[in-house]
C-alpha atoms as a PDB file:
ATOM      1  CA  MET A   1      14.293   8.809 -25.196  1.00  0.00           C
ATOM      2  CA  ALA A   2      10.462   8.769 -25.303  1.00  0.00           C
ATOM      3  CA  LYS A   3       8.626  10.079 -22.268  1.00  0.00           C
ATOM      4  CA  THR A   4       6.685   7.597 -20.182  1.00  0.00           C
ATOM      5  CA  LYS A   5       3.893   7.952 -17.674  1.00  0.00           C
ATOM      6  CA  ASP A   6       4.593   4.518 -16.163  1.00  0.00           C
ATOM      7  CA  ALA A   7       5.494   5.233 -12.527  1.00  0.00           C
ATOM      8  CA  LEU A   8       7.524   2.037 -12.149  1.00  0.00           C
ATOM      9  CA  LYS A   9       9.634   2.830 -15.200  1.00  0.00           C
ATOM     10  CA  ILE A  10      10.179   6.366 -13.955  1.00  0.00           C
ATOM     11  CA  LEU A  11      11.246   5.087 -10.520  1.00  0.00           C
ATOM     12  CA  GLU A  12      13.635   2.622 -12.124  1.00  0.00           C
ATOM     13  CA  ARG A  13      15.185   5.368 -14.228  1.00  0.00           C
ATOM     14  CA  VAL A  14      15.573   7.648 -11.186  1.00  0.00           C
ATOM     15  CA  THR A  15      16.868   5.010  -8.749  1.00  0.00           C
ATOM     16  CA  GLY A  16      19.196   3.201 -11.091  1.00  0.00           C
ATOM     17  CA  SER A  17      20.385  -0.227 -10.049  1.00  0.00           C
ATOM     18  CA  SER A  18      20.584   0.291  -6.284  1.00  0.00           C
ATOM     19  CA  GLU A  19      19.417  -2.932  -4.649  1.00  0.00           C
ATOM     20  CA  ALA A  20      18.671  -1.111  -1.378  1.00  0.00           C
ATOM     21  CA  VAL A  21      16.396   1.362  -3.147  1.00  0.00           C
ATOM     22  CA  LYS A  22      14.702  -1.439  -5.083  1.00  0.00           C
ATOM     23  CA  ALA A  23      14.100  -3.339  -1.832  1.00  0.00           C
ATOM     24  CA  GLY A  24      12.624  -0.230  -0.243  1.00  0.00           C
ATOM     25  CA  ILE A  25      10.308   0.294  -3.180  1.00  0.00           C
ATOM     26  CA  ALA A  26       9.220  -3.356  -3.054  1.00  0.00           C
ATOM     27  CA  GLN A  27       8.435  -3.032   0.670  1.00  0.00           C
ATOM     28  CA  ALA A  28       6.505   0.182   0.104  1.00  0.00           C
ATOM     29  CA  LYS A  29       4.491  -1.552  -2.617  1.00  0.00           C
ATOM     30  CA  ILE A  30       3.568  -4.366  -0.223  1.00  0.00           C
ATOM     31  CA  ASN A  31       2.553  -1.872   2.482  1.00  0.00           C
ATOM     32  CA  PHE A  32       0.389  -0.022  -0.025  1.00  0.00           C
ATOM     33  CA  GLU A  33      -1.259  -3.222  -1.259  1.00  0.00           C
ATOM     34  CA  VAL A  34      -2.107  -4.379   2.285  1.00  0.00           C
ATOM     35  CA  ALA A  35      -3.494  -0.967   3.225  1.00  0.00           C
ATOM     36  CA  GLN A  36      -5.582  -0.878   0.049  1.00  0.00           C
ATOM     37  CA  MET A  37      -6.808  -4.428   0.646  1.00  0.00           C
ATOM     38  CA  ILE A  38      -8.051  -3.483   4.132  1.00  0.00           C
ATOM     39  CA  TYR A  39      -9.712  -0.306   2.840  1.00  0.00           C
ATOM     40  CA  ASP A  40     -11.391  -2.121  -0.068  1.00  0.00           C
ATOM     41  CA  ALA A  41     -12.719  -4.938   2.138  1.00  0.00           C
ATOM     42  CA  ARG A  42     -14.015  -2.499   4.761  1.00  0.00           C
ATOM     43  CA  THR A  43     -15.769  -0.217   2.278  1.00  0.00           C
ATOM     44  CA  LYS A  44     -17.196  -3.177   0.343  1.00  0.00           C
ATOM     45  CA  ALA A  45     -18.719  -4.339   3.644  1.00  0.00           C
ATOM     46  CA  GLY A  46     -20.220  -0.860   4.056  1.00  0.00           C
ATOM     47  CA  LEU A  47     -18.392  -0.197   7.323  1.00  0.00           C
ATOM     48  CA  SER A  48     -16.785   2.950   8.644  1.00  0.00           C
ATOM     49  CA  GLN A  49     -13.374   2.765  10.268  1.00  0.00           C
ATOM     50  CA  SER A  50     -15.072   3.116  13.663  1.00  0.00           C
ATOM     51  CA  GLU A  51     -17.470   0.271  12.938  1.00  0.00           C
ATOM     52  CA  LEU A  52     -14.682  -2.078  11.844  1.00  0.00           C
ATOM     53  CA  ALA A  53     -12.629  -1.106  14.879  1.00  0.00           C
ATOM     54  CA  ALA A  54     -15.542  -1.980  17.172  1.00  0.00           C
ATOM     55  CA  LEU A  55     -15.902  -5.380  15.495  1.00  0.00           C
ATOM     56  CA  ILE A  56     -12.267  -6.251  16.172  1.00  0.00           C
ATOM     57  CA  GLY A  57     -12.160  -4.723  19.644  1.00  0.00           C
ATOM     58  CA  SER A  58     -10.013  -1.765  18.693  1.00  0.00           C
ATOM     59  CA  LYS A  59     -10.273   1.985  18.055  1.00  0.00           C
ATOM     60  CA  GLN A  60     -10.786   3.970  14.845  1.00  0.00           C
ATOM     61  CA  PRO A  61      -7.211   5.387  14.747  1.00  0.00           C
ATOM     62  CA  VAL A  62      -5.884   1.817  14.541  1.00  0.00           C
ATOM     63  CA  ILE A  63      -7.907   1.177  11.385  1.00  0.00           C
ATOM     64  CA  ALA A  64      -6.818   4.534   9.946  1.00  0.00           C
ATOM     65  CA  ARG A  65      -3.187   3.577  10.571  1.00  0.00           C
ATOM     66  CA  LEU A  66      -3.671   0.132   8.979  1.00  0.00           C
ATOM     67  CA  GLU A  67      -5.168   1.793   5.896  1.00  0.00           C
ATOM     68  CA  ASP A  68      -2.240   4.205   5.609  1.00  0.00           C
ATOM     69  CA  ALA A  69       0.028   3.160   2.723  1.00  0.00           C
ATOM     70  CA  GLY A  70       3.077   4.293   4.718  1.00  0.00           C
ATOM     71  CA  TYR A  71       2.347   2.047   7.704  1.00  0.00           C
ATOM     72  CA  GLU A  72       4.826  -0.807   8.095  1.00  0.00           C
ATOM     73  CA  GLY A  73       3.420  -2.651  11.118  1.00  0.00           C
ATOM     74  CA  HIS A  74       0.762  -4.894   9.598  1.00  0.00           C
ATOM     75  CA  SER A  75       0.626  -8.124  11.563  1.00  0.00           C
ATOM     76  CA  LEU A  76      -0.774 -11.440  10.513  1.00  0.00           C
ATOM     77  CA  THR A  77      -2.852 -11.578  13.701  1.00  0.00           C
ATOM     78  CA  MET A  78      -4.478  -8.215  12.990  1.00  0.00           C
ATOM     79  CA  LEU A  79      -5.167  -9.136   9.371  1.00  0.00           C
ATOM     80  CA  GLN A  80      -6.829 -12.351  10.564  1.00  0.00           C
ATOM     81  CA  ARG A  81      -8.986 -10.401  13.035  1.00  0.00           C
ATOM     82  CA  ILE A  82     -10.091  -8.041  10.275  1.00  0.00           C
ATOM     83  CA  ALA A  83     -10.842 -10.927   7.902  1.00  0.00           C
ATOM     84  CA  ALA A  84     -12.925 -12.681  10.567  1.00  0.00           C
ATOM     85  CA  ALA A  85     -14.839  -9.476  11.368  1.00  0.00           C
ATOM     86  CA  LEU A  86     -15.621  -9.048   7.674  1.00  0.00           C
ATOM     87  CA  GLU A  87     -16.592 -12.736   7.388  1.00  0.00           C
ATOM     88  CA  GLN A  88     -13.747 -13.368   5.007  1.00  0.00           C
ATOM     89  CA  ARG A  89     -10.758 -15.659   4.871  1.00  0.00           C
ATOM     90  CA  LEU A  90      -7.205 -14.376   4.714  1.00  0.00           C
ATOM     91  CA  GLU A  91      -4.963 -16.083   2.157  1.00  0.00           C
ATOM     92  CA  LEU A  92      -1.199 -15.807   2.048  1.00  0.00           C
ATOM     93  CA  ARG A  93       1.014 -17.453  -0.503  1.00  0.00           C
ATOM     94  CA  PHE A  94       4.590 -17.646  -1.612  1.00  0.00           C
ATOM     95  CA  VAL A  95       5.264 -16.852  -5.241  1.00  0.00           C
ATOM     96  CA  PRO A  96       8.498 -17.222  -7.162  1.00  0.00           C
ATOM     97  CA  SER A  97      10.774 -14.217  -7.155  1.00  0.00           C
ATOM     98  CA  ARG A  98      11.436 -12.536 -10.466  1.00  0.00           C
ATOM     99  CA  ARG A  99      15.135 -12.678  -9.692  1.00  0.00           C
ATOM    100  CA  ARG A 100      17.115 -15.387 -11.319  1.00  0.00           C
ATOM    101  CA  ARG A 101      17.770 -18.270  -8.989  1.00  0.00           C
ATOM    102  CA  ILE A 102      21.345 -18.736  -7.971  1.00  0.00           C
ATOM    103  CA  ALA A 103      22.382 -22.321  -8.339  1.00  0.00           C
ATOM    104  CA  LYS A 104      23.860 -23.883  -5.234  1.00  0.00           C
ATOM    105  CA  THR A 105      27.300 -25.206  -5.863  1.00  0.00           C
ATOM    106  CA  ARG A 106      29.109 -27.893  -3.998  1.00  0.00           C
ATOM    107  CA  LEU A 107      32.732 -27.709  -3.153  1.00  0.00           C
ATOM    108  CA  VAL A 108      34.597 -30.683  -4.422  1.00  0.00           C
ATOM    109  CA  THR A 109      37.709 -31.615  -2.549  1.00  0.00           C
ATOM    110  CA  ALA A 110      40.389 -33.853  -3.924  1.00  0.00           C
END
């Protein structure tokens, strides 16, 4: 088997087909993406963590925690406060799952 440097392929090979592990990885990916989004928006605005915290009425350690990829407590309210402080708009959307849809079946009684 050829070696790969693709982290997702390596994780899949290591974790196998465990749905629990796959769900955990998916959640970790979301946490990372939110943390990175906050960091990118803050640094693009030229703000320190302390400056952003002051704008949203919080403290610097809160921003540090929100920018930590391992943090799991991101709230919609906090994300909206950050977006408003950075004069941005927060967008959320639902996208189709990659999993195959399971057809709903009806029970037919005779």
